[in-house]
Amino acid sequence: MFFLRNDGSCEIEACKPESCKGYPFTDNPERIISLINIIESTSVCYVVFEMIEILKKEYGFKRRK
């Protein structure tokens, strides 16, 4: 279920969902929407999920109680 190749490319490039094709949505002027899309992508894309987990560690993300 891992689609990230060693060279950083995606194993399923030819059949990516539309939400993956435009990632990381940097051409979207409404960044808040693109950021929400990125967070929502964590449920369908292992690579995005792992990226968010790394960023959470890097920035010291703490869960609210």
Protein backbone atom coordinates (compact mmCIF):
# COMPACT_ATOMS: atom_id res chain seq x y z
CA MET A 1 0.00 0.00 0.00
CA PHE A 2 3.00 2.29 -0.23
CA PHE A 3 3.01 4.35 -3.41
CA LEU A 4 6.13 6.43 -2.86
CA ARG A 5 9.14 5.17 -4.83
CA ASN A 6 12.73 5.57 -3.60
CA ASP A 7 13.24 8.44 -6.06
CA GLY A 8 10.26 10.34 -4.59
CA SER A 9 7.90 9.67 -7.49
CA CYS A 10 4.46 8.13 -7.12
CA GLU A 11 3.89 4.49 -8.04
CA ILE A 12 0.33 5.21 -9.23
CA GLU A 13 1.13 8.32 -11.30
CA ALA A 14 -1.03 7.22 -14.25
CA CYS A 15 -4.18 6.73 -12.17
CA LYS A 16 -3.82 9.32 -9.38
CA PRO A 17 -7.03 10.85 -8.03
CA GLU A 18 -7.59 14.48 -9.05
CA SER A 19 -6.79 15.66 -5.53
CA CYS A 20 -3.31 14.15 -5.83
CA LYS A 21 -2.55 15.51 -9.30
CA GLY A 22 -2.59 19.12 -8.14
CA TYR A 23 -0.75 18.53 -4.89
CA PRO A 24 0.61 20.57 -3.13
CA PHE A 25 -1.86 23.11 -4.54
CA THR A 26 0.70 25.92 -4.54
CA ASP A 27 -0.96 27.58 -7.52
CA ASN A 28 -4.20 28.02 -5.53
CA PRO A 29 -4.48 31.65 -4.36
CA GLU A 30 -6.77 30.64 -1.52
CA ARG A 31 -4.17 28.82 0.56
CA ILE A 32 -6.56 28.06 3.42
CA ILE A 33 -8.62 25.87 1.10
CA SER A 34 -5.52 24.12 -0.19
CA LEU A 35 -4.28 23.56 3.36
CA ILE A 36 -7.62 22.01 4.26
CA ASN A 37 -7.34 19.80 1.15
CA ILE A 38 -3.88 18.70 2.24
CA ILE A 39 -5.15 17.75 5.69
CA GLU A 40 -8.12 15.90 4.17
CA SER A 41 -5.72 14.01 1.88
CA THR A 42 -4.13 12.33 4.89
CA SER A 43 -7.02 9.86 4.96
CA VAL A 44 -6.43 8.68 1.38
CA CYS A 45 -2.73 9.19 0.71
CA TYR A 46 -0.08 7.52 2.83
CA VAL A 47 2.61 9.91 1.59
CA VAL A 48 0.64 12.98 2.72
CA PHE A 49 -0.11 11.30 6.04
CA GLU A 50 3.59 10.62 6.63
CA MET A 51 4.51 14.17 5.60
CA ILE A 52 2.05 15.62 8.12
CA GLU A 53 3.35 13.30 10.85
CA ILE A 54 6.92 14.47 10.19
CA LEU A 55 5.85 18.12 10.26
CA LYS A 56 3.99 17.58 13.54
CA LYS A 57 7.19 16.25 15.11
CA GLU A 58 9.33 18.98 13.54
CA TYR A 59 7.11 21.78 14.84
CA GLY A 60 6.25 20.20 18.19
CA PHE A 61 2.55 19.76 17.52
CA LYS A 62 0.65 18.99 20.70
CA ARG A 63 -2.88 17.62 20.75
CA ARG A 64 -5.40 19.81 22.58
CA LYS A 65 -7.12 18.27 25.57
